[in-house]
Amino acid sequence: MNRESLAASERLVSPAYVRQGYEARRSHEHLVRLLLEKVPRSRSPLRRARPPVCGVWSPSLLRQGKCPEDGWDESTLELFLHELAIMDSNNFLGNCGVGEREGRVASALVARRHYRFIHGIGRSGDISAVQPKAAGSSLLNKITNSLVLDIIKLAGVHTVANCFVVPMATGMSLTLCFLTLRHKRPKAKYIIWPRIDQKSCFKSMITAGFEPVVIENILEGDELRTDLKAVEAKVQELGPDYILCVHSTTSCFAPRVPDRLEELAVICANYGIPHIVNNAYGVQSSKCMHLIQQGARIGRIDAFVQSLDKNFMVPVGGAIIAGFNDSFIQEISKMYPGRASASPSLDVLITLLSLGARGYKKLLKERKEMFSYLSKELKKLSETYNERLLHTPHNPISLAVTLKTLDEHCDKAVTQLGSMLFTRQVSGARVVPLGSVQTVSGYTFRGFMSHTNNYPCAYLNAASAIGMKMQDVDLFIKRLDKCLKTVRKEQNKEGDVSGIDSFSKTVHVDIGEMALKLDNVLSDTYQDASS
């Protein structure tokens, strides 16, 4: 509402009341202005866009992007989103669209679900480009990328140069990185990949048209760690020019731990090989982010990819591609074909503005506390059943408990435990039996899910991820305890039945032998009597 409208309102309602309402509205607009003033200045034509009538945009648009320290209330958020949306041509009053893509939506419910941002983000040649007929959506995209970059710095990667949100999950986002590198390294055929038993990151290499070179992990104590000698030997064997990149991993399921990123980064720098990091749920871990920061400082990391849903608690379908070279990240964004859905960007923008930097830091702190609490409770429970919590100090998110006493009987008991947990509504826990074999895109992995061919024992995984509460841990421990008791009882029953069957067979054999001996004695006696 502009000043002319306010003046007209004062003829209908007491001017004092109108001015009070106007001041209240200005407090919302002030938050929006502060946000926009902190977004990095754009070189695009977007900065020449005229401000809307209400005047919430500051004329000093776009400097040093920062996430607000404190979260916004819903009314401010909705005001902001509404005023962005009316800058898109599909929401212009009297707009006449005669093209094939004019933001037409058949269902009003669908339009409301997307806050009437219908045009998506980017243009056909670049996901980060500005759309002339969607200034609001373009602003949304620009602001979101700026806030996400700030959060990545806040989480520990202080020297990151650029990032963008892409409407694909982690696997396809990794594929996009590999395809971008293809043009820089035309001879390359191979990607060196320290093994992690997760299908999407493996298939991302296959989908990009490269041959994964699997480097088996080495067992150090309970932990599975990167075999650096094997990596370097493979680089020398294949030749650096024929290797597209090293594809390493931070966040993973214990007993595997994050790759030795610093050492891998040095190897990549020494041999001139690009380095792409799968940081799927690593933003929430200061340890994972520190590894990336240090790797980039002393060696080479070209890009690192992280999931939106796993780190920011939004729906599945988005990822962040980030790196230390601004031009390379721009190259990746230009590799994306066509426009893109704005939904992941909208979701993470709303979430970060709701939380603020302070709220997100609080979630990171709570996650660390829950990791310690989960570790303590799992250790206590495992000892009750003569099991133990595996010692994996280099894994800051995932934990593993041995299932040796179940595995000694049979694999069936181990998999039964997993089924019981799932039917009792425990999601996310993974039961890993010994000797599982899985074929993924023509490659066969022995010991699949355990990240190695022959891990010493079966085990159960649980993770402390962002958003977990103490009551989640307590309920998990309670249900796991009940499931373990049930499995043990069934094992004992089977043991008793097996013992009875064995005794019965032994009795039958003994009676048979006695009958045979008696028959022989009687036969001998009869023969003696006859003679």
Foldseek 3Di string as FASTA:
>chain_A
DAPVVLVVVCVVDPNVVSVVVVVVVVVLLVVVQVQQLQAADDPDCLLVDDADRRPSHDNNGHHNHEFFQAFDDPVSVLVLLLRLLCQAQLNDVPRDDDDPDRLDDPDPVVCVVVSNQRRFADFQQFRLDDDPRRSSLNVLQRSLQSHVVNLLCVLAQVQWDGKGKAQAFLLLLVLLLLLLLCVVQVQAAEEEEAFAQDFSVVVSQVVNRHHYDYFAFDDDQQATEGPLVVVLVVCVVVDQSHYSAYEFEAAGAPPYHGYQLQSRQASCQVRVHEYEYECAQVSLPSLSSNSVNNSVVRGHYAWYKYFCCQHQVFDGGMIMIIGNDPVSNRSSRSSDGGGHHCVSSVRSVNSSSRQTSNNSVVLSVVLQVVQVVLQVLVQVLLVVVVKGKGDRVNHRWKTKIFPAVQPVVHVVLQVVLVVQCVVVPNPDKDKQAAFDWDAHPNDIATSRPNSHNGNPGIIMMDTRTGPDDPVSSVVSSVSSSVSVVVSVVVVVVVVVVVVVVVVVVVVVVVVVVVVVVVVVVVVVVVVVVVD
